[in-house]
N, C-alpha and C. Protein backbone atom coordinates (compact mmCIF):
# COMPACT_ATOMS: atom_id res chain seq x y z
N MET A 1 0.83 -1.18 0.00
CA MET A 1 0.00 0.00 0.00
C MET A 1 0.88 1.26 0.00
N LEU A 2 1.94 1.21 0.76
CA LEU A 2 2.84 2.37 0.82
C LEU A 2 3.49 2.63 -0.53
N LEU A 3 3.82 1.58 -1.26
CA LEU A 3 4.42 1.73 -2.58
C LEU A 3 3.45 2.41 -3.54
N ILE A 4 2.19 2.07 -3.46
CA ILE A 4 1.19 2.69 -4.33
C ILE A 4 1.05 4.18 -4.02
N ILE A 5 1.05 4.53 -2.76
CA ILE A 5 0.92 5.94 -2.37
C ILE A 5 2.11 6.75 -2.86
N VAL A 6 3.30 6.22 -2.69
CA VAL A 6 4.51 6.94 -3.11
C VAL A 6 4.56 7.07 -4.63
N SER A 7 4.25 6.00 -5.35
CA SER A 7 4.31 6.07 -6.81
C SER A 7 3.20 6.93 -7.39
N SER A 8 2.04 6.96 -6.76
CA SER A 8 0.96 7.79 -7.29
C SER A 8 1.29 9.28 -7.16
N MET A 9 2.01 9.66 -6.15
CA MET A 9 2.42 11.06 -6.01
C MET A 9 3.39 11.44 -7.12
N ALA A 10 4.32 10.56 -7.45
CA ALA A 10 5.27 10.82 -8.53
C ALA A 10 4.56 10.93 -9.87
N VAL A 11 3.58 10.08 -10.10
CA VAL A 11 2.82 10.12 -11.35
C VAL A 11 2.01 11.41 -11.43
N LEU A 12 1.41 11.81 -10.34
CA LEU A 12 0.61 13.03 -10.33
C LEU A 12 1.47 14.26 -10.62
N PHE A 13 2.62 14.35 -9.99
CA PHE A 13 3.49 15.50 -10.21
C PHE A 13 4.08 15.50 -11.62
N SER A 14 4.41 14.34 -12.17
CA SER A 14 5.01 14.30 -13.51
C SER A 14 3.98 14.49 -14.62
N SER A 15 2.69 14.39 -14.30
CA SER A 15 1.67 14.55 -15.33
C SER A 15 1.45 15.99 -15.74
N GLY A 16 1.87 16.93 -14.94
CA GLY A 16 1.70 18.33 -15.28
C GLY A 16 0.48 18.96 -14.66
N ALA A 17 -0.23 18.24 -13.82
CA ALA A 17 -1.44 18.79 -13.19
C ALA A 17 -1.08 19.72 -12.03
N VAL A 18 0.01 19.44 -11.35
CA VAL A 18 0.40 20.22 -10.18
C VAL A 18 1.45 21.26 -10.54
N TRP A 19 2.38 20.89 -11.38
CA TRP A 19 3.49 21.75 -11.76
C TRP A 19 3.57 21.76 -13.29
N PRO A 20 3.79 22.90 -13.92
CA PRO A 20 3.84 22.94 -15.39
C PRO A 20 4.92 22.02 -15.95
N ARG A 21 4.56 21.27 -16.97
CA ARG A 21 5.47 20.28 -17.52
C ARG A 21 6.68 20.92 -18.19
N TYR A 22 6.52 22.11 -18.76
CA TYR A 22 7.65 22.74 -19.45
C TYR A 22 8.74 23.21 -18.48
N LEU A 23 8.44 23.28 -17.19
CA LEU A 23 9.45 23.65 -16.19
C LEU A 23 10.17 22.44 -15.60
N MET A 24 9.75 21.25 -15.99
CA MET A 24 10.38 20.03 -15.49
C MET A 24 11.60 19.67 -16.34
N PRO A 25 12.54 18.90 -15.78
CA PRO A 25 13.68 18.45 -16.59
C PRO A 25 13.22 17.57 -17.75
N LYS A 26 14.00 17.55 -18.82
CA LYS A 26 13.64 16.80 -20.03
C LYS A 26 13.44 15.31 -19.75
N VAL A 27 14.19 14.75 -18.83
CA VAL A 27 14.06 13.32 -18.51
C VAL A 27 12.66 13.03 -17.96
N ILE A 28 12.17 13.88 -17.10
CA ILE A 28 10.84 13.68 -16.54
C ILE A 28 9.77 13.93 -17.59
N GLN A 29 10.00 14.88 -18.48
CA GLN A 29 9.05 15.13 -19.56
C GLN A 29 8.92 13.92 -20.47
N ILE A 30 10.03 13.30 -20.80
CA ILE A 30 10.01 12.12 -21.65
C ILE A 30 9.35 10.96 -20.91
N PHE A 31 9.67 10.79 -19.64
CA PHE A 31 9.07 9.72 -18.84
C PHE A 31 7.55 9.88 -18.73
N SER A 32 7.09 11.12 -18.62
CA SER A 32 5.66 11.36 -18.41
C SER A 32 4.83 11.06 -19.65
N VAL A 33 5.46 11.01 -20.83
CA VAL A 33 4.71 10.67 -22.05
C VAL A 33 4.21 9.23 -22.00
N PHE A 34 4.89 8.36 -21.30
CA PHE A 34 4.51 6.95 -21.24
C PHE A 34 3.50 6.65 -20.14
N ILE A 35 3.03 7.67 -19.46
CA ILE A 35 2.02 7.50 -18.41
C ILE A 35 0.68 7.99 -18.97
N PRO A 36 -0.34 7.15 -19.04
CA PRO A 36 -1.62 7.58 -19.59
C PRO A 36 -2.26 8.74 -18.83
N ASN A 37 -1.88 8.88 -17.58
CA ASN A 37 -2.40 9.95 -16.75
C ASN A 37 -2.12 11.33 -17.36
N THR A 38 -0.99 11.48 -18.01
CA THR A 38 -0.60 12.76 -18.58
C THR A 38 -1.57 13.21 -19.67
N PHE A 39 -1.86 12.33 -20.62
CA PHE A 39 -2.79 12.68 -21.69
C PHE A 39 -4.21 12.84 -21.15
N GLY A 40 -4.58 12.02 -20.19
CA GLY A 40 -5.93 12.09 -19.62
C GLY A 40 -6.19 13.40 -18.89
N ILE A 41 -5.26 13.82 -18.10
CA ILE A 41 -5.43 15.08 -17.35
C ILE A 41 -5.46 16.26 -18.30
N ASP A 42 -4.59 16.28 -19.31
CA ASP A 42 -4.61 17.38 -20.28
C ASP A 42 -5.94 17.44 -21.02
N GLY A 43 -6.46 16.27 -21.39
CA GLY A 43 -7.73 16.23 -22.09
C GLY A 43 -8.90 16.70 -21.23
N VAL A 44 -8.92 16.27 -19.98
CA VAL A 44 -10.00 16.68 -19.07
C VAL A 44 -9.94 18.17 -18.81
N ILE A 45 -8.75 18.71 -18.67
CA ILE A 45 -8.62 20.16 -18.46
C ILE A 45 -9.14 20.92 -19.67
N ARG A 46 -8.81 20.46 -20.86
CA ARG A 46 -9.29 21.15 -22.06
C ARG A 46 -10.81 21.04 -22.21
N LEU A 47 -11.36 19.86 -21.96
CA LEU A 47 -12.80 19.66 -22.17
C LEU A 47 -13.65 20.37 -21.12
N TYR A 48 -13.35 20.15 -19.86
CA TYR A 48 -14.24 20.62 -18.82
C TYR A 48 -13.89 21.99 -18.26
N ILE A 49 -12.64 22.29 -18.12
CA ILE A 49 -12.27 23.56 -17.51
C ILE A 49 -12.19 24.67 -18.57
N MET A 50 -11.61 24.37 -19.73
CA MET A 50 -11.48 25.38 -20.77
C MET A 50 -12.67 25.39 -21.73
N SER A 51 -13.62 24.48 -21.56
CA SER A 51 -14.82 24.36 -22.40
C SER A 51 -14.49 24.27 -23.88
N ALA A 52 -13.45 23.53 -24.21
CA ALA A 52 -13.05 23.34 -25.60
C ALA A 52 -13.87 22.20 -26.22
N PRO A 53 -14.03 22.21 -27.53
CA PRO A 53 -14.73 21.09 -28.18
C PRO A 53 -13.86 19.83 -28.15
N PHE A 54 -14.49 18.70 -28.45
CA PHE A 54 -13.77 17.43 -28.42
C PHE A 54 -12.65 17.40 -29.46
N SER A 55 -12.82 18.12 -30.55
CA SER A 55 -11.78 18.14 -31.59
C SER A 55 -10.48 18.79 -31.10
N ALA A 56 -10.58 19.65 -30.08
CA ALA A 56 -9.38 20.27 -29.52
C ALA A 56 -8.58 19.28 -28.69
N MET A 57 -9.18 18.15 -28.37
CA MET A 57 -8.53 17.14 -27.56
C MET A 57 -8.03 15.97 -28.42
N ALA A 58 -7.94 16.16 -29.73
CA ALA A 58 -7.57 15.07 -30.64
C ALA A 58 -6.18 14.53 -30.35
N PHE A 59 -5.22 15.40 -30.03
CA PHE A 59 -3.86 14.95 -29.74
C PHE A 59 -3.83 14.07 -28.50
N GLU A 60 -4.52 14.48 -27.45
CA GLU A 60 -4.56 13.70 -26.21
C GLU A 60 -5.26 12.36 -26.43
N PHE A 61 -6.35 12.37 -27.20
CA PHE A 61 -7.07 11.14 -27.48
C PHE A 61 -6.21 10.18 -28.30
N ALA A 62 -5.50 10.71 -29.28
CA ALA A 62 -4.60 9.87 -30.08
C ALA A 62 -3.47 9.32 -29.22
N GLY A 63 -2.95 10.13 -28.30
CA GLY A 63 -1.90 9.64 -27.39
C GLY A 63 -2.40 8.51 -26.51
N LEU A 64 -3.62 8.65 -26.01
CA LEU A 64 -4.19 7.57 -25.18
C LEU A 64 -4.41 6.30 -26.00
N CYS A 65 -4.85 6.45 -27.24
CA CYS A 65 -5.05 5.27 -28.10
C CYS A 65 -3.73 4.58 -28.41
N ILE A 66 -2.71 5.36 -28.68
CA ILE A 66 -1.39 4.78 -28.98
C ILE A 66 -0.83 4.06 -27.75
N LEU A 67 -0.97 4.68 -26.58
CA LEU A 67 -0.50 4.02 -25.36
C LEU A 67 -1.28 2.74 -25.08
N ALA A 68 -2.60 2.74 -25.32
CA ALA A 68 -3.40 1.54 -25.13
C ALA A 68 -2.94 0.43 -26.07
N LEU A 69 -2.63 0.79 -27.30
CA LEU A 69 -2.14 -0.19 -28.26
C LEU A 69 -0.78 -0.75 -27.85
N ILE A 70 0.14 0.13 -27.46
CA ILE A 70 1.48 -0.31 -27.04
C ILE A 70 1.40 -1.21 -25.81
N TYR A 71 0.66 -0.77 -24.78
CA TYR A 71 0.57 -1.57 -23.56
C TYR A 71 -0.23 -2.85 -23.78
N GLY A 72 -1.18 -2.83 -24.70
CA GLY A 72 -1.92 -4.06 -25.03
C GLY A 72 -1.03 -5.08 -25.70
N ILE A 73 -0.21 -4.63 -26.64
CA ILE A 73 0.72 -5.54 -27.32
C ILE A 73 1.75 -6.08 -26.33
N LEU A 74 2.31 -5.21 -25.49
CA LEU A 74 3.28 -5.67 -24.50
C LEU A 74 2.65 -6.66 -23.52
N GLY A 75 1.44 -6.39 -23.09
CA GLY A 75 0.75 -7.31 -22.18
C GLY A 75 0.48 -8.66 -22.82
N TYR A 76 0.07 -8.64 -24.08
CA TYR A 76 -0.17 -9.88 -24.80
C TYR A 76 1.11 -10.71 -24.93
N ARG A 77 2.21 -10.02 -25.25
CA ARG A 77 3.48 -10.74 -25.39
C ARG A 77 3.95 -11.35 -24.07
N VAL A 78 3.75 -10.63 -22.98
CA VAL A 78 4.16 -11.16 -21.66
C VAL A 78 3.30 -12.36 -21.30
N ILE A 79 2.01 -12.27 -21.51
CA ILE A 79 1.13 -13.39 -21.19
C ILE A 79 1.42 -14.58 -22.09
N LYS A 80 1.66 -14.32 -23.36
CA LYS A 80 1.99 -15.41 -24.29
C LYS A 80 3.29 -16.09 -23.92
N LYS A 81 4.26 -15.32 -23.44
CA LYS A 81 5.54 -15.90 -23.05
C LYS A 81 5.41 -16.70 -21.76
N ARG A 82 4.60 -16.20 -20.83
CA ARG A 82 4.46 -16.87 -19.55
C ARG A 82 3.57 -18.12 -19.64
N TYR A 83 2.53 -18.05 -20.44
CA TYR A 83 1.57 -19.15 -20.59
C TYR A 83 1.45 -19.52 -22.06
N PRO A 84 2.45 -20.14 -22.66
CA PRO A 84 2.40 -20.40 -24.10
C PRO A 84 1.37 -21.44 -24.51
N HIS A 85 1.01 -22.32 -23.63
CA HIS A 85 0.08 -23.38 -23.98
C HIS A 85 -1.38 -22.96 -23.84
N LYS A 86 -1.67 -21.82 -23.25
CA LYS A 86 -3.05 -21.40 -23.03
C LYS A 86 -3.53 -20.40 -24.08
N ILE A 87 -2.63 -19.85 -24.87
CA ILE A 87 -3.06 -18.86 -25.87
C ILE A 87 -2.97 -19.46 -27.25
């Protein structure tokens, strides 16, 4: 439980919701692209807080779809490797 609390704080801060992402070091900016939380928070801020249309969130939606595809393929490969006779 403690590990989840500590890691969730790091994910929240690296997503750009608490601190602007452009002020973070480049390493953290690159790392935050691989966290779905980053695209989700940006999209929610644009849709609900800035009252932008859904088309303004196309980049964030595409990023979430790409991450879902990448993590889906990686998950499939791990399961296939671990349980080769069941797939």
